[in-house]
Amino acid sequence: MTRRMIGSLAAAGLLLAGCGAEQQAATADAPAAEAAALPPMVARAVAVARGIEANPAAADSILSANGLTAAGLDSLMYTIAEDSALAAAYATAMR
């Protein structure tokens, strides 16, 4: 299941990278305070992604700590990818 989650995060990252590419230049100089003002859905996705990247073996625990399952993570990432503003915020936060 861990490989599936990492694969989902990687796929979502590729989808979102394309969505956020247009805004990369505009957000390159954004202050750190702006990054702290992420929409809650995006902040949750970023926390999970960073946690799993840092410790793939603990993916199940990271998901549980964030109130998610593997299917819930998939759903969250697709929801973010469907909204250009959320996708841009996620892409920026993950840089």
N, C-alpha and C. Protein backbone atom coordinates (compact mmCIF):
# COMPACT_ATOMS: atom_id res chain seq x y z
N MET A 1 0.82 -1.19 0.00
CA MET A 1 0.00 0.00 0.00
C MET A 1 0.87 1.25 0.00
N THR A 2 2.03 1.21 0.63
CA THR A 2 2.90 2.37 0.68
C THR A 2 3.34 2.77 -0.72
N ARG A 3 3.66 1.80 -1.56
CA ARG A 3 4.07 2.12 -2.93
C ARG A 3 2.93 2.80 -3.68
N ARG A 4 1.71 2.36 -3.43
CA ARG A 4 0.56 2.97 -4.10
C ARG A 4 0.42 4.43 -3.68
N MET A 5 0.61 4.71 -2.38
CA MET A 5 0.49 6.08 -1.89
C MET A 5 1.58 6.97 -2.48
N ILE A 6 2.79 6.44 -2.51
CA ILE A 6 3.88 7.23 -3.08
C ILE A 6 3.62 7.47 -4.56
N GLY A 7 3.11 6.44 -5.25
CA GLY A 7 2.77 6.59 -6.66
C GLY A 7 1.68 7.63 -6.85
N SER A 8 0.68 7.63 -5.96
CA SER A 8 -0.40 8.61 -6.05
C SER A 8 0.13 10.02 -5.85
N LEU A 9 1.01 10.18 -4.85
CA LEU A 9 1.59 11.50 -4.61
C LEU A 9 2.43 11.96 -5.80
N ALA A 10 3.18 11.04 -6.38
CA ALA A 10 4.01 11.40 -7.53
C ALA A 10 3.13 11.79 -8.72
N ALA A 11 2.09 11.00 -8.98
CA ALA A 11 1.19 11.31 -10.09
C ALA A 11 0.49 12.64 -9.87
N ALA A 12 0.02 12.86 -8.65
CA ALA A 12 -0.66 14.12 -8.36
C ALA A 12 0.31 15.29 -8.49
N GLY A 13 1.54 15.07 -8.07
CA GLY A 13 2.54 16.12 -8.21
C GLY A 13 2.78 16.51 -9.65
N LEU A 14 2.82 15.52 -10.53
CA LEU A 14 2.99 15.80 -11.95
C LEU A 14 1.80 16.55 -12.51
N LEU A 15 0.61 16.14 -12.12
CA LEU A 15 -0.60 16.84 -12.58
C LEU A 15 -0.60 18.29 -12.10
N LEU A 16 -0.27 18.45 -10.84
CA LEU A 16 -0.32 19.79 -10.25
C LEU A 16 0.83 20.67 -10.72
N ALA A 17 1.94 20.07 -11.04
CA ALA A 17 3.07 20.87 -11.52
C ALA A 17 2.71 21.60 -12.80
N GLY A 18 1.99 20.94 -13.67
CA GLY A 18 1.54 21.59 -14.90
C GLY A 18 0.57 22.70 -14.63
N CYS A 19 -0.28 22.52 -13.64
CA CYS A 19 -1.27 23.54 -13.30
C CYS A 19 -0.61 24.77 -12.70
N GLY A 20 0.47 24.58 -11.95
CA GLY A 20 1.09 25.70 -11.26
C GLY A 20 2.23 26.34 -12.01
N ALA A 21 2.59 25.82 -13.16
CA ALA A 21 3.75 26.34 -13.89
C ALA A 21 3.56 27.79 -14.30
N GLU A 22 2.33 28.16 -14.67
CA GLU A 22 2.07 29.52 -15.10
C GLU A 22 2.30 30.53 -13.99
N GLN A 23 2.03 30.12 -12.77
CA GLN A 23 2.13 31.05 -11.65
C GLN A 23 3.47 30.98 -10.95
N GLN A 24 4.38 30.13 -11.42
CA GLN A 24 5.66 29.98 -10.75
C GLN A 24 6.40 31.30 -10.65
N ALA A 25 6.47 32.04 -11.73
CA ALA A 25 7.19 33.31 -11.71
C ALA A 25 6.53 34.30 -10.77
N ALA A 26 5.22 34.32 -10.76
CA ALA A 26 4.49 35.28 -9.92
C ALA A 26 4.65 34.96 -8.45
N THR A 27 4.81 33.67 -8.10
CA THR A 27 4.88 33.31 -6.70
C THR A 27 6.30 33.08 -6.22
N ALA A 28 7.28 33.22 -7.07
CA ALA A 28 8.66 32.97 -6.68
C ALA A 28 9.11 33.92 -5.58
N ASP A 29 8.58 35.11 -5.56
CA ASP A 29 8.98 36.10 -4.56
C ASP A 29 7.97 36.24 -3.43
N ALA A 30 7.02 35.32 -3.33
CA ALA A 30 5.99 35.40 -2.30
C ALA A 30 6.62 35.26 -0.92
N PRO A 31 6.18 36.06 0.03
CA PRO A 31 6.75 35.98 1.37
C PRO A 31 6.34 34.68 2.08
N ALA A 32 7.11 34.32 3.08
CA ALA A 32 6.84 33.09 3.83
C ALA A 32 5.48 33.14 4.51
N ALA A 33 5.03 34.32 4.90
CA ALA A 33 3.73 34.45 5.55
C ALA A 33 2.61 34.01 4.63
N GLU A 34 2.76 34.25 3.34
CA GLU A 34 1.75 33.85 2.38
C GLU A 34 1.67 32.33 2.31
N ALA A 35 2.82 31.66 2.40
CA ALA A 35 2.84 30.20 2.37
C ALA A 35 2.12 29.61 3.57
N ALA A 36 2.16 30.32 4.70
CA ALA A 36 1.48 29.85 5.90
C ALA A 36 -0.03 29.98 5.76
N ALA A 37 -0.50 30.75 4.80
CA ALA A 37 -1.93 30.98 4.63
C ALA A 37 -2.53 30.03 3.58
N LEU A 38 -2.04 28.80 3.54
CA LEU A 38 -2.57 27.83 2.60
C LEU A 38 -4.00 27.44 2.97
N PRO A 39 -4.82 27.16 1.98
CA PRO A 39 -6.14 26.62 2.28
C PRO A 39 -5.97 25.32 3.10
N PRO A 40 -6.85 25.06 4.05
CA PRO A 40 -6.69 23.88 4.91
C PRO A 40 -6.52 22.57 4.14
N MET A 41 -7.25 22.41 3.06
CA MET A 41 -7.16 21.19 2.26
C MET A 41 -5.75 21.03 1.69
N VAL A 42 -5.18 22.12 1.23
CA VAL A 42 -3.84 22.09 0.65
C VAL A 42 -2.80 21.88 1.75
N ALA A 43 -2.96 22.54 2.87
CA ALA A 43 -2.02 22.38 3.98
C ALA A 43 -1.98 20.92 4.43
N ARG A 44 -3.13 20.29 4.48
CA ARG A 44 -3.22 18.88 4.86
C ARG A 44 -2.50 17.99 3.85
N ALA A 45 -2.73 18.23 2.58
CA ALA A 45 -2.08 17.45 1.52
C ALA A 45 -0.56 17.63 1.55
N VAL A 46 -0.12 18.85 1.77
CA VAL A 46 1.32 19.14 1.83
C VAL A 46 1.94 18.43 3.03
N ALA A 47 1.27 18.48 4.18
CA ALA A 47 1.80 17.83 5.38
C ALA A 47 1.94 16.32 5.16
N VAL A 48 0.93 15.72 4.54
CA VAL A 48 0.98 14.28 4.27
C VAL A 48 2.09 13.96 3.26
N ALA A 49 2.15 14.72 2.20
CA ALA A 49 3.17 14.47 1.17
C ALA A 49 4.57 14.59 1.74
N ARG A 50 4.82 15.63 2.50
CA ARG A 50 6.16 15.81 3.08
C ARG A 50 6.47 14.72 4.10
N GLY A 51 5.47 14.34 4.87
CA GLY A 51 5.68 13.27 5.85
C GLY A 51 6.02 11.95 5.19
N ILE A 52 5.30 11.61 4.13
CA ILE A 52 5.54 10.35 3.44
C ILE A 52 6.87 10.39 2.68
N GLU A 53 7.21 11.53 2.10
CA GLU A 53 8.51 11.66 1.44
C GLU A 53 9.65 11.46 2.43
N ALA A 54 9.48 11.99 3.64
CA ALA A 54 10.53 11.91 4.65
C ALA A 54 10.64 10.51 5.24
N ASN A 55 9.52 9.80 5.34
CA ASN A 55 9.53 8.49 5.97
C ASN A 55 8.49 7.58 5.32
N PRO A 56 8.80 7.04 4.14
CA PRO A 56 7.82 6.21 3.43
C PRO A 56 7.33 5.00 4.23
N ALA A 57 8.17 4.47 5.09
CA ALA A 57 7.78 3.30 5.88
C ALA A 57 6.67 3.61 6.87
N ALA A 58 6.50 4.87 7.21
CA ALA A 58 5.47 5.28 8.17
C ALA A 58 4.24 5.86 7.48
N ALA A 59 4.06 5.56 6.21
CA ALA A 59 2.96 6.17 5.44
C ALA A 59 1.60 5.93 6.08
N ASP A 60 1.35 4.71 6.54
CA ASP A 60 0.05 4.43 7.16
C ASP A 60 -0.17 5.27 8.41
N SER A 61 0.86 5.42 9.21
CA SER A 61 0.76 6.23 10.43
C SER A 61 0.55 7.70 10.09
N ILE A 62 1.23 8.17 9.07
CA ILE A 62 1.11 9.57 8.65
C ILE A 62 -0.31 9.84 8.16
N LEU A 63 -0.83 8.92 7.37
CA LEU A 63 -2.21 9.07 6.90
C LEU A 63 -3.19 9.09 8.07
N SER A 64 -3.03 8.15 9.00
CA SER A 64 -3.92 8.08 10.16
C SER A 64 -3.86 9.36 10.99
N ALA A 65 -2.64 9.86 11.19
CA ALA A 65 -2.48 11.09 11.98
C ALA A 65 -3.18 12.28 11.33
N ASN A 66 -3.37 12.20 10.02
CA ASN A 66 -4.04 13.28 9.30
C ASN A 66 -5.48 12.93 8.95
N GLY A 67 -5.99 11.87 9.55
CA GLY A 67 -7.38 11.48 9.35
C GLY A 67 -7.70 10.99 7.95
N LEU A 68 -6.72 10.35 7.30
CA LEU A 68 -6.90 9.90 5.93
C LEU A 68 -6.62 8.40 5.79
N THR A 69 -7.15 7.85 4.73
CA THR A 69 -6.79 6.52 4.25
C THR A 69 -6.13 6.71 2.89
N ALA A 70 -5.64 5.63 2.31
CA ALA A 70 -5.04 5.74 0.97
C ALA A 70 -6.07 6.26 -0.03
N ALA A 71 -7.28 5.75 0.05
CA ALA A 71 -8.35 6.21 -0.84
C ALA A 71 -8.69 7.67 -0.56
N GLY A 72 -8.68 8.05 0.70
CA GLY A 72 -8.96 9.44 1.06
C GLY A 72 -7.90 10.39 0.54
N LEU A 73 -6.65 9.94 0.54
CA LEU A 73 -5.56 10.75 -0.01
C LEU A 73 -5.75 10.92 -1.51
N ASP A 74 -6.07 9.84 -2.18
CA ASP A 74 -6.34 9.93 -3.62
C ASP A 74 -7.43 10.95 -3.90
N SER A 75 -8.51 10.86 -3.16
CA SER A 75 -9.64 11.77 -3.34
C SER A 75 -9.23 13.22 -3.08
N LEU A 76 -8.47 13.43 -2.02
CA LEU A 76 -8.00 14.77 -1.68
C LEU A 76 -7.14 15.35 -2.80
N MET A 77 -6.22 14.54 -3.33
CA MET A 77 -5.33 15.02 -4.38
C MET A 77 -6.09 15.32 -5.67
N TYR A 78 -7.08 14.50 -6.00
CA TYR A 78 -7.86 14.77 -7.20
C TYR A 78 -8.71 16.04 -7.03
N THR A 79 -9.23 16.25 -5.83
CA THR A 79 -10.00 17.46 -5.56
C THR A 79 -9.12 18.70 -5.73
N ILE A 80 -7.91 18.63 -5.22
CA ILE A 80 -6.98 19.75 -5.37
C ILE A 80 -6.63 19.97 -6.84
N ALA A 81 -6.38 18.88 -7.56
CA ALA A 81 -5.99 18.98 -8.97
C ALA A 81 -7.10 19.57 -9.84
N GLU A 82 -8.35 19.39 -9.43
CA GLU A 82 -9.48 19.90 -10.22
C GLU A 82 -9.66 21.40 -10.09
N ASP A 83 -9.08 22.02 -9.09
CA ASP A 83 -9.23 23.45 -8.84
C ASP A 83 -7.89 24.14 -9.09
N SER A 84 -7.85 25.01 -10.07
CA SER A 84 -6.58 25.61 -10.46
C SER A 84 -5.92 26.42 -9.34
N ALA A 85 -6.71 27.09 -8.52
CA ALA A 85 -6.13 27.86 -7.42
C ALA A 85 -5.53 26.94 -6.37
N LEU A 86 -6.24 25.87 -6.03
CA LEU A 86 -5.71 24.91 -5.06
C LEU A 86 -4.49 24.20 -5.62
N ALA A 87 -4.54 23.86 -6.90
CA ALA A 87 -3.41 23.18 -7.53
C ALA A 87 -2.17 24.07 -7.53
N ALA A 88 -2.36 25.33 -7.81
CA ALA A 88 -1.22 26.28 -7.80
C ALA A 88 -0.66 26.43 -6.39
N ALA A 89 -1.54 26.50 -5.41
CA ALA A 89 -1.09 26.63 -4.02
C ALA A 89 -0.31 25.39 -3.59
N TYR A 90 -0.79 24.22 -3.99
CA TYR A 90 -0.10 22.96 -3.65
C TYR A 90 1.27 22.92 -4.33
N ALA A 91 1.30 23.22 -5.61
CA ALA A 91 2.55 23.18 -6.37
C ALA A 91 3.58 24.15 -5.78
N THR A 92 3.14 25.32 -5.41
CA THR A 92 4.04 26.31 -4.81
C THR A 92 4.55 25.84 -3.46
N ALA A 93 3.67 25.29 -2.65
CA ALA A 93 4.05 24.84 -1.31
C ALA A 93 5.02 23.66 -1.37
N MET A 94 4.93 22.85 -2.40
CA MET A 94 5.78 21.67 -2.50
C MET A 94 7.16 21.98 -3.10
N ARG A 95 7.39 23.19 -3.53
CA ARG A 95 8.71 23.56 -4.09
C ARG A 95 9.70 23.80 -3.01
